[in-house]
Amino acid sequence: MENFKFEALVTEESQLKRLEKCVQKIPNVSDWQVTKYINGILLSVKAVNIRAFDILQTLQQEGFTLEQVYEE
């Protein structure tokens, strides 16, 4: 099980709902959590057999700006 954390520039509730729908569609993601901050969010993802790059690429193709901050 891999643990990934990403920072994203998501500040509007509509953006957050769209992000949540996108994360739910990513294969091999077993669990995820969003922590809200004033200027964005921290997206924590638990997944199996997937690279952080694949998660980033999928969400960037949907129009989100993310940066990986942690991988375990």
PDB file of N, CA and C in Angstrom:
ATOM      1  N   MET A   1       0.849  -1.178   0.000  1.00  0.00           N
ATOM      2  CA  MET A   1       0.000   0.000   0.000  1.00  0.00           C
ATOM      3  C   MET A   1       0.891   1.236   0.000  1.00  0.00           C
ATOM      4  N   GLU A   2       0.655   2.106  -0.943  1.00  0.00           N
ATOM      5  CA  GLU A   2       1.396   3.363  -1.049  1.00  0.00           C
ATOM      6  C   GLU A   2       0.565   4.493  -0.453  1.00  0.00           C
ATOM      7  N   ASN A   3       1.236   5.434   0.184  1.00  0.00           N
ATOM      8  CA  ASN A   3       0.589   6.633   0.710  1.00  0.00           C
ATOM      9  C   ASN A   3       1.158   7.838  -0.027  1.00  0.00           C
ATOM     10  N   PHE A   4       0.275   8.632  -0.596  1.00  0.00           N
ATOM     11  CA  PHE A   4       0.676   9.826  -1.328  1.00  0.00           C
ATOM     12  C   PHE A   4      -0.036  11.034  -0.744  1.00  0.00           C
ATOM     13  N   LYS A   5       0.635  12.186  -0.797  1.00  0.00           N
ATOM     14  CA  LYS A   5      -0.001  13.444  -0.398  1.00  0.00           C
ATOM     15  C   LYS A   5       0.288  14.471  -1.482  1.00  0.00           C
ATOM     16  N   PHE A   6      -0.757  15.209  -1.823  1.00  0.00           N
ATOM     17  CA  PHE A   6      -0.664  16.226  -2.858  1.00  0.00           C
ATOM     18  C   PHE A   6      -1.280  17.522  -2.350  1.00  0.00           C
ATOM     19  N   GLU A   7      -0.670  18.635  -2.708  1.00  0.00           N
ATOM     20  CA  GLU A   7      -1.283  19.940  -2.473  1.00  0.00           C
ATOM     21  C   GLU A   7      -1.977  20.346  -3.762  1.00  0.00           C
ATOM     22  N   ALA A   8      -3.160  20.926  -3.612  1.00  0.00           N
ATOM     23  CA  ALA A   8      -3.908  21.353  -4.790  1.00  0.00           C
ATOM     24  C   ALA A   8      -4.496  22.730  -4.560  1.00  0.00           C
ATOM     25  N   LEU A   9      -4.559  23.502  -5.630  1.00  0.00           N
ATOM     26  CA  LEU A   9      -5.151  24.828  -5.572  1.00  0.00           C
ATOM     27  C   LEU A   9      -6.653  24.707  -5.823  1.00  0.00           C
ATOM     28  N   VAL A  10      -7.346  24.186  -4.843  1.00  0.00           N
ATOM     29  CA  VAL A  10      -8.796  24.013  -4.912  1.00  0.00           C
ATOM     30  C   VAL A  10      -9.382  24.810  -3.754  1.00  0.00           C
ATOM     31  N   THR A  11     -10.135  25.856  -4.079  1.00  0.00           N
ATOM     32  CA  THR A  11     -10.684  26.710  -3.028  1.00  0.00           C
ATOM     33  C   THR A  11     -12.205  26.778  -3.051  1.00  0.00           C
ATOM     34  N   GLU A  12     -12.812  26.461  -4.179  1.00  0.00           N
ATOM     35  CA  GLU A  12     -14.267  26.525  -4.317  1.00  0.00           C
ATOM     36  C   GLU A  12     -14.885  25.159  -4.049  1.00  0.00           C
ATOM     37  N   GLU A  13     -16.053  25.152  -3.451  1.00  0.00           N
ATOM     38  CA  GLU A  13     -16.752  23.899  -3.145  1.00  0.00           C
ATOM     39  C   GLU A  13     -17.056  23.107  -4.415  1.00  0.00           C
ATOM     40  N   SER A  14     -17.397  23.788  -5.499  1.00  0.00           N
ATOM     41  CA  SER A  14     -17.689  23.096  -6.761  1.00  0.00           C
ATOM     42  C   SER A  14     -16.442  22.393  -7.297  1.00  0.00           C
ATOM     43  N   GLN A  15     -15.275  23.022  -7.147  1.00  0.00           N
ATOM     44  CA  GLN A  15     -14.018  22.399  -7.567  1.00  0.00           C
ATOM     45  C   GLN A  15     -13.736  21.161  -6.723  1.00  0.00           C
ATOM     46  N   LEU A  16     -13.996  21.267  -5.427  1.00  0.00           N
ATOM     47  CA  LEU A  16     -13.748  20.155  -4.515  1.00  0.00           C
ATOM     48  C   LEU A  16     -14.624  18.961  -4.871  1.00  0.00           C
ATOM     49  N   LYS A  17     -15.886  19.194  -5.160  1.00  0.00           N
ATOM     50  CA  LYS A  17     -16.786  18.101  -5.537  1.00  0.00           C
ATOM     51  C   LYS A  17     -16.327  17.440  -6.836  1.00  0.00           C
ATOM     52  N   ARG A  18     -15.872  18.244  -7.790  1.00  0.00           N
ATOM     53  CA  ARG A  18     -15.378  17.702  -9.053  1.00  0.00           C
ATOM     54  C   ARG A  18     -14.106  16.884  -8.830  1.00  0.00           C
ATOM     55  N   LEU A  19     -13.215  17.381  -7.957  1.00  0.00           N
ATOM     56  CA  LEU A  19     -11.995  16.645  -7.625  1.00  0.00           C
ATOM     57  C   LEU A  19     -12.337  15.306  -6.980  1.00  0.00           C
ATOM     58  N   GLU A  20     -13.271  15.309  -6.055  1.00  0.00           N
ATOM     59  CA  GLU A  20     -13.671  14.073  -5.375  1.00  0.00           C
ATOM     60  C   GLU A  20     -14.182  13.043  -6.375  1.00  0.00           C
ATOM     61  N   LYS A  21     -14.988  13.464  -7.344  1.00  0.00           N
ATOM     62  CA  LYS A  21     -15.496  12.546  -8.368  1.00  0.00           C
ATOM     63  C   LYS A  21     -14.351  11.971  -9.195  1.00  0.00           C
ATOM     64  N   CYS A  22     -13.375  12.802  -9.509  1.00  0.00           N
ATOM     65  CA  CYS A  22     -12.225  12.349 -10.297  1.00  0.00           C
ATOM     66  C   CYS A  22     -11.388  11.334  -9.522  1.00  0.00           C
ATOM     67  N   VAL A  23     -11.151  11.587  -8.244  1.00  0.00           N
ATOM     68  CA  VAL A  23     -10.349  10.673  -7.423  1.00  0.00           C
ATOM     69  C   VAL A  23     -11.048   9.323  -7.302  1.00  0.00           C
ATOM     70  N   GLN A  24     -12.359   9.327  -7.162  1.00  0.00           N
ATOM     71  CA  GLN A  24     -13.117   8.083  -7.031  1.00  0.00           C
ATOM     72  C   GLN A  24     -12.998   7.208  -8.271  1.00  0.00           C
ATOM     73  N   LYS A  25     -12.731   7.806  -9.423  1.00  0.00           N
ATOM     74  CA  LYS A  25     -12.629   7.062 -10.682  1.00  0.00           C
ATOM     75  C   LYS A  25     -11.241   6.473 -10.927  1.00  0.00           C
ATOM     76  N   ILE A  26     -10.247   6.890 -10.150  1.00  0.00           N
ATOM     77  CA  ILE A  26      -8.879   6.404 -10.373  1.00  0.00           C
ATOM     78  C   ILE A  26      -8.772   4.969  -9.868  1.00  0.00           C
ATOM     79  N   PRO A  27      -8.372   4.040 -10.751  1.00  0.00           N
ATOM     80  CA  PRO A  27      -8.251   2.641 -10.316  1.00  0.00           C
ATOM     81  C   PRO A  27      -7.146   2.469  -9.274  1.00  0.00           C
ATOM     82  N   ASN A  28      -7.323   1.503  -8.415  1.00  0.00           N
ATOM     83  CA  ASN A  28      -6.357   1.109  -7.388  1.00  0.00           C
ATOM     84  C   ASN A  28      -6.270   2.064  -6.202  1.00  0.00           C
ATOM     85  N   VAL A  29      -7.078   3.111  -6.166  1.00  0.00           N
ATOM     86  CA  VAL A  29      -7.132   3.987  -4.991  1.00  0.00           C
ATOM     87  C   VAL A  29      -8.089   3.347  -3.999  1.00  0.00           C
ATOM     88  N   SER A  30      -7.577   3.001  -2.828  1.00  0.00           N
ATOM     89  CA  SER A  30      -8.409   2.320  -1.837  1.00  0.00           C
ATOM     90  C   SER A  30      -9.026   3.282  -0.831  1.00  0.00           C
ATOM     91  N   ASP A  31      -8.360   4.399  -0.578  1.00  0.00           N
ATOM     92  CA  ASP A  31      -8.869   5.363   0.394  1.00  0.00           C
ATOM     93  C   ASP A  31      -8.263   6.723   0.082  1.00  0.00           C
ATOM     94  N   TRP A  32      -8.995   7.773   0.398  1.00  0.00           N
ATOM     95  CA  TRP A  32      -8.481   9.120   0.195  1.00  0.00           C
ATOM     96  C   TRP A  32      -9.172  10.070   1.155  1.00  0.00           C
ATOM     97  N   GLN A  33      -8.508  11.195   1.413  1.00  0.00           N
ATOM     98  CA  GLN A  33      -9.024  12.175   2.365  1.00  0.00           C
ATOM     99  C   GLN A  33      -8.583  13.566   1.925  1.00  0.00           C
ATOM    100  N   VAL A  34      -9.451  14.537   2.151  1.00  0.00           N
ATOM    101  CA  VAL A  34      -9.148  15.924   1.818  1.00  0.00           C
ATOM    102  C   VAL A  34      -9.102  16.744   3.101  1.00  0.00           C
ATOM    103  N   THR A  35      -8.028  17.500   3.271  1.00  0.00           N
ATOM    104  CA  THR A  35      -7.907  18.447   4.377  1.00  0.00           C
ATOM    105  C   THR A  35      -7.908  19.842   3.774  1.00  0.00           C
ATOM    106  N   LYS A  36      -8.863  20.666   4.191  1.00  0.00           N
ATOM    107  CA  LYS A  36      -9.000  22.009   3.624  1.00  0.00           C
ATOM    108  C   LYS A  36      -8.102  23.004   4.353  1.00  0.00           C
ATOM    109  N   TYR A  37      -7.514  23.888   3.557  1.00  0.00           N
ATOM    110  CA  TYR A  37      -6.749  25.020   4.058  1.00  0.00           C
ATOM    111  C   TYR A  37      -7.316  26.285   3.427  1.00  0.00           C
ATOM    112  N   ILE A  38      -6.884  27.435   3.868  1.00  0.00           N
ATOM    113  CA  ILE A  38      -7.400  28.698   3.337  1.00  0.00           C
ATOM    114  C   ILE A  38      -7.105  28.837   1.842  1.00  0.00           C
ATOM    115  N   ASN A  39      -5.908  28.458   1.437  1.00  0.00           N
ATOM    116  CA  ASN A  39      -5.484  28.666   0.053  1.00  0.00           C
ATOM    117  C   ASN A  39      -5.400  27.380  -0.761  1.00  0.00           C
ATOM    118  N   GLY A  40      -6.100  26.328  -0.347  1.00  0.00           N
ATOM    119  CA  GLY A  40      -6.083  25.088  -1.102  1.00  0.00           C
ATOM    120  C   GLY A  40      -6.404  23.898  -0.222  1.00  0.00           C
ATOM    121  N   ILE A  41      -5.993  22.728  -0.682  1.00  0.00           N
ATOM    122  CA  ILE A  41      -6.267  21.494   0.051  1.00  0.00           C
ATOM    123  C   ILE A  41      -5.032  20.605   0.079  1.00  0.00           C
ATOM    124  N   LEU A  42      -5.060  19.648   0.992  1.00  0.00           N
ATOM    125  CA  LEU A  42      -4.097  18.559   1.023  1.00  0.00           C
ATOM    126  C   LEU A  42      -4.883  17.297   0.721  1.00  0.00           C
ATOM    127  N   LEU A  43      -4.530  16.616  -0.355  1.00  0.00           N
ATOM    128  CA  LEU A  43      -5.187  15.380  -0.763  1.00  0.00           C
ATOM    129  C   LEU A  43      -4.299  14.217  -0.355  1.00  0.00           C
ATOM    130  N   SER A  44      -4.795  13.368   0.540  1.00  0.00           N
ATOM    131  CA  SER A  44      -4.065  12.173   0.983  1.00  0.00           C
ATOM    132  C   SER A  44      -4.690  10.965   0.308  1.00  0.00           C
ATOM    133  N   VAL A  45      -3.859  10.141  -0.322  1.00  0.00           N
ATOM    134  CA  VAL A  45      -4.350   9.004  -1.100  1.00  0.00           C
ATOM    135  C   VAL A  45      -3.619   7.745  -0.675  1.00  0.00           C
ATOM    136  N   LYS A  46      -4.377   6.664  -0.468  1.00  0.00           N
ATOM    137  CA  LYS A  46      -3.804   5.336  -0.257  1.00  0.00           C
ATOM    138  C   LYS A  46      -4.157   4.507  -1.482  1.00  0.00           C
ATOM    139  N   ALA A  47      -3.142   3.866  -2.063  1.00  0.00           N
ATOM    140  CA  ALA A  47      -3.365   3.134  -3.300  1.00  0.00           C
ATOM    141  C   ALA A  47      -2.392   1.967  -3.419  1.00  0.00           C
ATOM    142  N   VAL A  48      -2.730   1.052  -4.317  1.00  0.00           N
ATOM    143  CA  VAL A  48      -1.906  -0.120  -4.580  1.00  0.00           C
ATOM    144  C   VAL A  48      -1.607  -0.169  -6.076  1.00  0.00           C
ATOM    145  N   ASN A  49      -0.365  -0.478  -6.420  1.00  0.00           N
ATOM    146  CA  ASN A  49       0.042  -0.666  -7.811  1.00  0.00           C
ATOM    147  C   ASN A  49      -0.258   0.539  -8.696  1.00  0.00           C
ATOM    148  N   ILE A  50       0.042   1.711  -8.210  1.00  0.00           N
ATOM    149  CA  ILE A  50      -0.104   2.929  -9.000  1.00  0.00           C
ATOM    150  C   ILE A  50       0.983   3.901  -8.555  1.00  0.00           C
ATOM    151  N   ARG A  51       1.467   4.681  -9.495  1.00  0.00           N
ATOM    152  CA  ARG A  51       2.514   5.655  -9.180  1.00  0.00           C
ATOM    153  C   ARG A  51       1.898   7.024  -8.924  1.00  0.00           C
ATOM    154  N   ALA A  52       2.592   7.834  -8.169  1.00  0.00           N
ATOM    155  CA  ALA A  52       2.135   9.203  -7.920  1.00  0.00           C
ATOM    156  C   ALA A  52       1.973   9.952  -9.238  1.00  0.00           C
ATOM    157  N   PHE A  53       2.875   9.697 -10.172  1.00  0.00           N
ATOM    158  CA  PHE A  53       2.809  10.344 -11.483  1.00  0.00           C
ATOM    159  C   PHE A  53       1.476  10.070 -12.163  1.00  0.00           C
ATOM    160  N   ASP A  54       0.986   8.833 -12.058  1.00  0.00           N
ATOM    161  CA  ASP A  54      -0.279   8.472 -12.701  1.00  0.00           C
ATOM    162  C   ASP A  54      -1.455   9.223 -12.083  1.00  0.00           C
ATOM    163  N   ILE A  55      -1.428   9.380 -10.769  1.00  0.00           N
ATOM    164  CA  ILE A  55      -2.487  10.130 -10.083  1.00  0.00           C
ATOM    165  C   ILE A  55      -2.417  11.595 -10.495  1.00  0.00           C
ATOM    166  N   LEU A  56      -1.217  12.165 -10.465  1.00  0.00           N
ATOM    167  CA  LEU A  56      -1.031  13.558 -10.875  1.00  0.00           C
ATOM    168  C   LEU A  56      -1.506  13.787 -12.301  1.00  0.00           C
ATOM    169  N   GLN A  57      -1.094  12.922 -13.200  1.00  0.00           N
ATOM    170  CA  GLN A  57      -1.439  13.079 -14.607  1.00  0.00           C
ATOM    171  C   GLN A  57      -2.948  13.002 -14.816  1.00  0.00           C
ATOM    172  N   THR A  58      -3.595  12.063 -14.164  1.00  0.00           N
ATOM    173  CA  THR A  58      -5.042  11.918 -14.295  1.00  0.00           C
ATOM    174  C   THR A  58      -5.760  13.175 -13.832  1.00  0.00           C
ATOM    175  N   LEU A  59      -5.379  13.695 -12.686  1.00  0.00           N
ATOM    176  CA  LEU A  59      -6.050  14.873 -12.145  1.00  0.00           C
ATOM    177  C   LEU A  59      -5.682  16.146 -12.916  1.00  0.00           C
ATOM    178  N   GLN A  60      -4.462  16.226 -13.421  1.00  0.00           N
ATOM    179  CA  GLN A  60      -4.075  17.381 -14.227  1.00  0.00           C
ATOM    180  C   GLN A  60      -4.828  17.399 -15.551  1.00  0.00           C
ATOM    181  N   GLN A  61      -5.096  16.229 -16.112  1.00  0.00           N
ATOM    182  CA  GLN A  61      -5.880  16.158 -17.344  1.00  0.00           C
ATOM    183  C   GLN A  61      -7.307  16.644 -17.125  1.00  0.00           C
ATOM    184  N   GLU A  62      -7.767  16.583 -15.890  1.00  0.00           N
ATOM    185  CA  GLU A  62      -9.101  17.077 -15.543  1.00  0.00           C
ATOM    186  C   GLU A  62      -9.077  18.567 -15.189  1.00  0.00           C
ATOM    187  N   GLY A  63      -7.890  19.185 -15.271  1.00  0.00           N
ATOM    188  CA  GLY A  63      -7.779  20.622 -15.083  1.00  0.00           C
ATOM    189  C   GLY A  63      -7.332  21.082 -13.705  1.00  0.00           C
ATOM    190  N   PHE A  64      -6.899  20.155 -12.861  1.00  0.00           N
ATOM    191  CA  PHE A  64      -6.457  20.522 -11.515  1.00  0.00           C
ATOM    192  C   PHE A  64      -4.951  20.763 -11.495  1.00  0.00           C
ATOM    193  N   THR A  65      -4.520  21.685 -10.647  1.00  0.00           N
ATOM    194  CA  THR A  65      -3.107  21.969 -10.446  1.00  0.00           C
ATOM    195  C   THR A  65      -2.699  21.357  -9.116  1.00  0.00           C
ATOM    196  N   LEU A  66      -1.821  20.356  -9.174  1.00  0.00           N
ATOM    197  CA  LEU A  66      -1.389  19.648  -7.975  1.00  0.00           C
ATOM    198  C   LEU A  66       0.120  19.564  -7.916  1.00  0.00           C
ATOM    199  N   GLU A  67       0.604  19.344  -6.712  1.00  0.00           N
ATOM    200  CA  GLU A  67       2.026  19.109  -6.492  1.00  0.00           C
ATOM    201  C   GLU A  67       2.158  18.009  -5.449  1.00  0.00           C
ATOM    202  N   GLN A  68       2.981  17.009  -5.751  1.00  0.00           N
ATOM    203  CA  GLN A  68       3.204  15.932  -4.790  1.00  0.00           C
ATOM    204  C   GLN A  68       4.094  16.444  -3.672  1.00  0.00           C
ATOM    205  N   VAL A  69       3.691  16.176  -2.426  1.00  0.00           N
ATOM    206  CA  VAL A  69       4.488  16.619  -1.285  1.00  0.00           C
ATOM    207  C   VAL A  69       4.984  15.467  -0.421  1.00  0.00           C
ATOM    208  N   TYR A  70       4.480  14.244  -0.671  1.00  0.00           N
ATOM    209  CA  TYR A  70       4.861  13.125   0.195  1.00  0.00           C
ATOM    210  C   TYR A  70       4.567  11.808  -0.510  1.00  0.00           C
ATOM    211  N   GLU A  71       5.433  10.822  -0.293  1.00  0.00           N
ATOM    212  CA  GLU A  71       5.199   9.458  -0.772  1.00  0.00           C
ATOM    213  C   GLU A  71       5.837   8.499   0.212  1.00  0.00           C
ATOM    214  N   GLU A  72       5.094   7.454   0.563  1.00  0.00           N
ATOM    215  CA  GLU A  72       5.620   6.439   1.477  1.00  0.00           C
ATOM    216  C   GLU A  72       5.330   5.069   0.916  1.00  0.00           C
TER     217      GLU A  72
END
